[in-house]
Protein backbone atom coordinates (compact mmCIF):
# COMPACT_ATOMS: atom_id res chain seq x y z
CA MET A 1 0.00 0.00 0.00
CA LYS A 2 1.38 3.37 -0.97
CA ASP A 3 2.28 6.22 1.35
CA VAL A 4 -0.64 8.41 2.51
CA LYS A 5 1.06 11.56 1.21
CA LEU A 6 1.32 10.10 -2.29
CA ILE A 7 -2.33 9.02 -2.23
CA VAL A 8 -3.46 12.46 -1.10
CA LYS A 9 -1.27 14.16 -3.70
CA GLU A 10 -2.83 12.07 -6.49
CA ILE A 11 -6.43 12.71 -5.41
CA LYS A 12 -5.74 16.40 -4.83
CA SER A 13 -4.38 16.73 -8.36
CA VAL A 14 -7.66 15.29 -9.66
CA ILE A 15 -9.69 17.80 -7.64
CA ASP A 16 -7.44 20.70 -8.65
CA ARG A 17 -7.93 19.81 -12.29
CA GLU A 18 -11.56 18.64 -12.39
CA GLY A 19 -13.19 20.44 -9.46
CA LEU A 20 -14.59 19.43 -6.06
CA GLU A 21 -17.75 17.86 -7.49
CA PHE A 22 -15.77 15.42 -9.63
CA LEU A 23 -15.18 12.98 -6.76
CA LYS A 24 -18.89 12.80 -5.97
CA ASP A 25 -20.11 12.78 -9.56
CA HIS A 26 -17.56 10.44 -11.14
CA PRO A 27 -16.16 7.90 -8.64
CA ASP A 28 -15.61 5.43 -11.48
CA LYS A 29 -13.43 7.92 -13.35
CA VAL A 30 -11.52 8.70 -10.15
CA TYR A 31 -10.86 4.97 -9.77
CA ASP A 32 -9.59 4.73 -13.35
CA ILE A 33 -7.26 7.69 -12.81
CA LEU A 34 -5.92 6.22 -9.58
CA ILE A 35 -5.14 2.75 -10.93
CA LYS A 36 -3.30 4.27 -13.88
CA SER A 37 -1.08 6.29 -11.55
CA ASP A 38 2.08 5.09 -9.83
CA SER A 39 0.94 6.58 -6.53
CA VAL A 40 -1.98 4.26 -5.75
CA ASP A 41 -2.12 0.46 -6.05
CA LYS A 42 -5.27 -1.29 -7.27
CA ASN A 43 -6.39 -2.43 -3.82
CA THR A 44 -6.09 1.07 -2.38
CA ALA A 45 -7.86 2.55 -5.40
CA LEU A 46 -10.75 0.14 -4.84
CA ILE A 47 -10.98 1.09 -1.17
CA LEU A 48 -11.03 4.77 -2.09
CA PHE A 49 -13.67 4.09 -4.75
CA THR A 50 -15.98 2.40 -2.23
CA SER A 51 -15.44 5.22 0.25
CA ILE A 52 -16.50 7.76 -2.37
CA LYS A 53 -19.58 5.65 -3.13
CA GLN A 54 -20.35 5.86 0.60
CA GLU A 55 -20.48 9.64 0.13
CA LEU A 56 -17.41 10.42 2.23
CA PRO A 57 -16.64 13.55 0.14
CA THR A 58 -20.08 14.87 1.10
CA PHE A 59 -19.43 14.06 4.76
CA MET A 60 -16.11 15.90 4.52
CA GLU A 61 -17.91 19.16 3.78
CA LYS A 62 -18.59 19.38 7.52
CA ALA A 63 -16.09 16.96 9.09
CA GLN A 64 -13.04 18.36 10.87
CA SER A 65 -10.91 15.92 12.86
CA GLU A 66 -9.31 12.64 11.89
CA GLU A 67 -11.02 10.99 14.87
CA GLU A 68 -14.43 12.17 13.69
CA ILE A 69 -13.74 10.80 10.22
CA PHE A 70 -12.52 7.48 11.66
CA GLU A 71 -15.70 7.02 13.70
CA HIS A 72 -17.88 7.83 10.72
CA ILE A 73 -16.10 5.30 8.48
CA LYS A 74 -16.19 2.71 11.26
CA SER A 75 -19.98 3.03 11.37
CA PHE A 76 -20.20 1.49 7.88
CA ASP A 77 -19.35 -1.89 9.48
CA PHE A 78 -17.51 -3.33 6.50
CA TYR A 79 -14.03 -1.79 6.74
CA SER A 80 -11.35 -3.25 8.97
CA ALA A 81 -9.86 -1.02 11.65
CA SER A 82 -6.66 -0.58 9.62
CA VAL A 83 -8.62 0.47 6.52
CA CYS A 84 -10.69 2.89 8.60
CA ALA A 85 -7.48 4.39 9.95
CA LEU A 86 -6.00 4.70 6.46
CA LEU A 87 -9.09 6.36 5.03
CA ALA A 88 -9.33 8.72 7.99
CA LYS A 89 -5.73 9.83 7.46
CA VAL A 90 -6.25 10.24 3.70
CA TYR A 91 -9.44 12.28 3.99
CA ALA A 92 -8.17 14.39 6.90
CA ALA A 93 -5.05 15.30 4.92
CA LEU A 94 -6.97 15.78 1.67
CA TYR A 95 -9.51 18.12 3.26
CA SER A 96 -7.00 20.03 5.36
CA ASP A 97 -7.63 23.69 6.14
CA GLN A 98 -4.90 24.65 3.69
CA ASN A 99 -6.44 22.65 0.85
CA ARG A 100 -9.93 23.94 1.64
CA ARG A 101 -8.68 27.54 1.45
CA SER A 102 -6.85 26.77 -1.79
CA TRP A 103 -9.99 25.30 -3.36
CA LEU A 104 -12.11 28.20 -2.17
CA ASP A 105 -9.69 30.59 -3.89
CA LYS A 106 -9.92 28.54 -7.10
CA VAL A 107 -13.71 28.82 -7.39
CA PHE A 108 -14.43 30.88 -10.54
CA SER A 109 -10.80 32.07 -10.56
CA GLY A 110 -10.38 31.00 -14.18
CA VAL A 111 -13.42 32.86 -15.43
CA LYS A 112 -12.52 35.94 -13.38
CA SER A 113 -9.10 36.00 -15.02
CA PHE A 114 -10.63 35.40 -18.46
CA LEU A 115 -12.98 38.37 -18.06
CA LYS A 116 -10.06 40.77 -17.67
CA LYS A 117 -8.19 39.92 -20.87
CA ASP A 118 -8.57 40.15 -24.62
CA PHE A 119 -8.37 36.82 -26.38
CA LYS A 120 -7.32 35.93 -29.89
CA VAL A 121 -8.94 33.43 -32.21
CA VAL A 122 -7.46 32.11 -35.44
CA TRP A 123 -10.11 30.90 -37.84
CA ILE A 124 -9.32 28.94 -41.00
CA GLY A 125 -12.46 28.40 -43.04
CA PHE A 126 -12.98 25.99 -45.91
CA SER A 127 -15.90 25.03 -48.12
CA GLU A 128 -16.37 23.40 -51.49
CA TRP A 129 -18.95 24.53 -54.01
CA SER A 130 -19.79 22.00 -56.70
CA CYS A 131 -21.99 21.45 -59.72
CA ASP A 132 -22.31 18.76 -62.38
CA GLN A 133 -19.39 20.18 -64.32
CA GLY A 134 -16.89 20.58 -61.48
CA TYR A 135 -16.08 22.26 -58.19
CA VAL A 136 -14.43 25.28 -56.59
CA ASP A 137 -12.51 25.30 -53.28
CA CYS A 138 -13.15 28.29 -51.02
CA HIS A 139 -10.79 29.37 -48.26
CA PHE A 140 -10.83 32.11 -45.63
CA ASN A 141 -8.20 32.93 -43.00
CA SER A 142 -8.85 35.35 -40.18
CA MET A 143 -7.20 36.65 -36.99
CA ILE A 144 -9.79 37.86 -34.49
CA THR A 145 -9.27 39.67 -31.17
CA LEU A 146 -12.19 40.02 -28.76
CA ARG A 147 -12.86 41.28 -25.26
CA VAL A 148 -15.67 40.72 -22.80
CA LYS A 149 -18.45 43.31 -22.91
CA ASP A 150 -21.27 41.65 -20.94
CA GLU A 151 -20.05 39.48 -18.05
CA ALA A 152 -23.54 38.14 -17.35
CA LEU A 153 -23.77 36.68 -20.86
CA VAL A 154 -20.34 35.08 -20.49
CA TYR A 155 -21.36 33.45 -17.21
CA LYS A 156 -24.61 32.31 -18.83
CA ALA A 157 -22.72 30.70 -21.70
CA LEU A 158 -20.47 28.89 -19.21
CA LYS A 159 -23.24 27.94 -16.77
CA GLN A 160 -23.16 24.20 -17.41
CA GLU A 161 -19.36 23.95 -17.52
CA LEU A 162 -18.98 25.91 -14.27
CA LYS A 163 -21.63 23.76 -12.62
CA VAL A 164 -19.56 20.69 -13.43
CA ASN A 165 -16.21 22.30 -12.57
CA SER A 166 -16.07 25.67 -10.82
CA PHE A 167 -12.25 25.49 -11.10
CA LEU A 168 -12.45 25.81 -14.90
CA SER A 169 -9.16 27.33 -16.06
CA GLU A 170 -8.72 30.47 -18.13
CA GLU A 171 -7.14 28.34 -20.87
CA LYS A 172 -10.10 25.95 -20.96
CA ILE A 173 -12.58 28.85 -21.09
CA THR A 174 -10.64 30.42 -23.96
CA GLU A 175 -10.78 27.07 -25.75
CA ILE A 176 -14.55 26.81 -25.20
CA PHE A 177 -15.29 30.22 -26.69
CA SER A 178 -12.75 29.78 -29.49
CA LYS A 179 -14.41 26.53 -30.56
CA SER A 180 -17.83 28.15 -30.34
CA LEU A 181 -16.80 31.05 -32.57
CA THR A 182 -14.89 28.99 -35.13
CA SER A 183 -17.75 26.48 -35.41
CA TYR A 184 -20.17 29.36 -35.94
CA LEU A 185 -17.96 30.87 -38.64
CA ASP A 186 -17.51 27.46 -40.29
CA ASN A 187 -21.28 27.14 -40.63
CA GLU A 188 -21.77 30.71 -41.84
CA PHE A 189 -18.98 30.40 -44.40
CA ASN A 190 -20.30 27.09 -45.65
CA ASP A 191 -23.82 28.54 -46.00
CA TYR A 192 -22.39 31.53 -47.86
CA CYS A 193 -20.40 29.40 -50.28
CA LEU A 194 -23.27 27.01 -51.00
CA ALA A 195 -26.01 29.64 -51.23
CA ASP A 196 -26.36 29.47 -55.02
CA ASP A 197 -26.50 26.25 -57.03
CA TYR A 198 -25.65 27.92 -60.32
CA TYR A 199 -23.08 30.64 -59.59
CA GLU A 200 -19.68 30.13 -58.07
CA PRO A 201 -19.13 31.84 -54.69
CA VAL A 202 -16.55 34.58 -54.17
CA ALA A 203 -14.78 33.76 -50.90
CA GLU A 204 -13.07 37.16 -50.94
CA ASP A 205 -16.47 38.83 -50.39
CA PHE A 206 -17.34 36.91 -47.22
CA GLU A 207 -18.03 39.53 -44.51
CA VAL A 208 -16.28 37.87 -41.61
CA ASP A 209 -16.50 40.93 -39.34
CA TYR A 210 -20.29 41.01 -39.73
CA HIS A 211 -20.62 37.38 -38.61
CA VAL A 212 -18.15 37.81 -35.74
CA GLU A 213 -20.21 40.75 -34.50
CA ASP A 214 -23.37 38.63 -34.56
CA TRP A 215 -21.68 35.93 -32.50
CA CYS A 216 -20.36 38.54 -30.06
CA LYS A 217 -23.85 39.92 -29.41
CA ASP A 218 -25.10 36.49 -28.37
CA ASN A 219 -22.11 35.65 -26.18
CA GLY A 220 -21.22 38.92 -24.44
CA PHE A 221 -18.15 40.05 -26.38
CA GLU A 222 -17.07 43.00 -28.48
CA ILE A 223 -14.63 43.18 -31.36
CA VAL A 224 -11.16 44.61 -30.81
CA SER A 225 -9.98 43.74 -34.31
CA VAL A 226 -10.81 41.43 -37.19
CA GLN A 227 -8.36 40.81 -40.00
CA GLY A 228 -8.84 38.28 -42.74
CA HIS A 229 -8.91 37.44 -46.40
CA GLY A 230 -10.62 34.91 -48.61
CA ASP A 231 -9.42 32.95 -51.59
CA THR A 232 -11.53 31.30 -54.26
CA GLY A 233 -9.68 28.58 -56.12
CA GLY A 234 -9.95 28.05 -59.83
CA PHE A 235 -12.77 25.96 -61.26
CA GLU A 236 -11.82 22.28 -61.39
CA SER A 237 -13.65 20.31 -64.05
CA ASN A 238 -15.13 16.89 -63.41
CA HIS A 239 -14.52 15.99 -67.06
CA TYR A 240 -11.05 14.73 -67.90
CA SER A 241 -9.59 14.46 -71.38
CA LYS A 242 -9.45 10.88 -72.59
CA GLY A 243 -6.02 9.41 -73.13
CA ILE A 244 -4.86 7.99 -76.44
CA GLU A 245 -5.50 4.50 -75.11
CA HIS A 246 -9.24 5.24 -75.41
CA TYR A 247 -8.89 5.31 -79.16
CA LEU A 248 -6.74 2.19 -79.49
């Protein structure tokens, strides 16, 4: 069985990354993470898994002393005294005053940091217009810089993610909004390029700033800058000249 400090370190790293609710909501995933680590052996991981299923993380929201934790675990009547002692040490160390303060400071810290900064999005759009005779490739590259205008809308957009993990990092939040914007632009660009069945699109005329502004209104941002350019490839025919072998 591994050292208590190593066990606590491994579980704490999971909480720091995934949030306090992760232990209660995903004990199976916690188990998988633990058995893949070098810090916790399979037997210990299983014991920790069963303790989470017994809602020990919920109990720890009010528990204080190691003795109190030991007595609570002992009341389950299926752990040996040595296992009760181990779990009491693990949970007491994991939910120490220092760790509790650290986790309290992490709540919404990522989104608070995100709200203060501009963020850049690189969008590379592609679509293909086609007809019976051939096809045209359409490209658009854009560098976009945005800043938060309406914090309430940003929180609303992140409501579900923050409910799952209130420790959501600034980097993860940036990724969420970047994916949202680029997916939106992908759809708008594709619709633009495929709007007419008979006339080839002109990618250079795609009004990227207009569509970015629409997305910003719905998500609580404003434009700092939008730079971009489109490129419409040459028409590629579906009909190929027949080689000399056709006539032989």
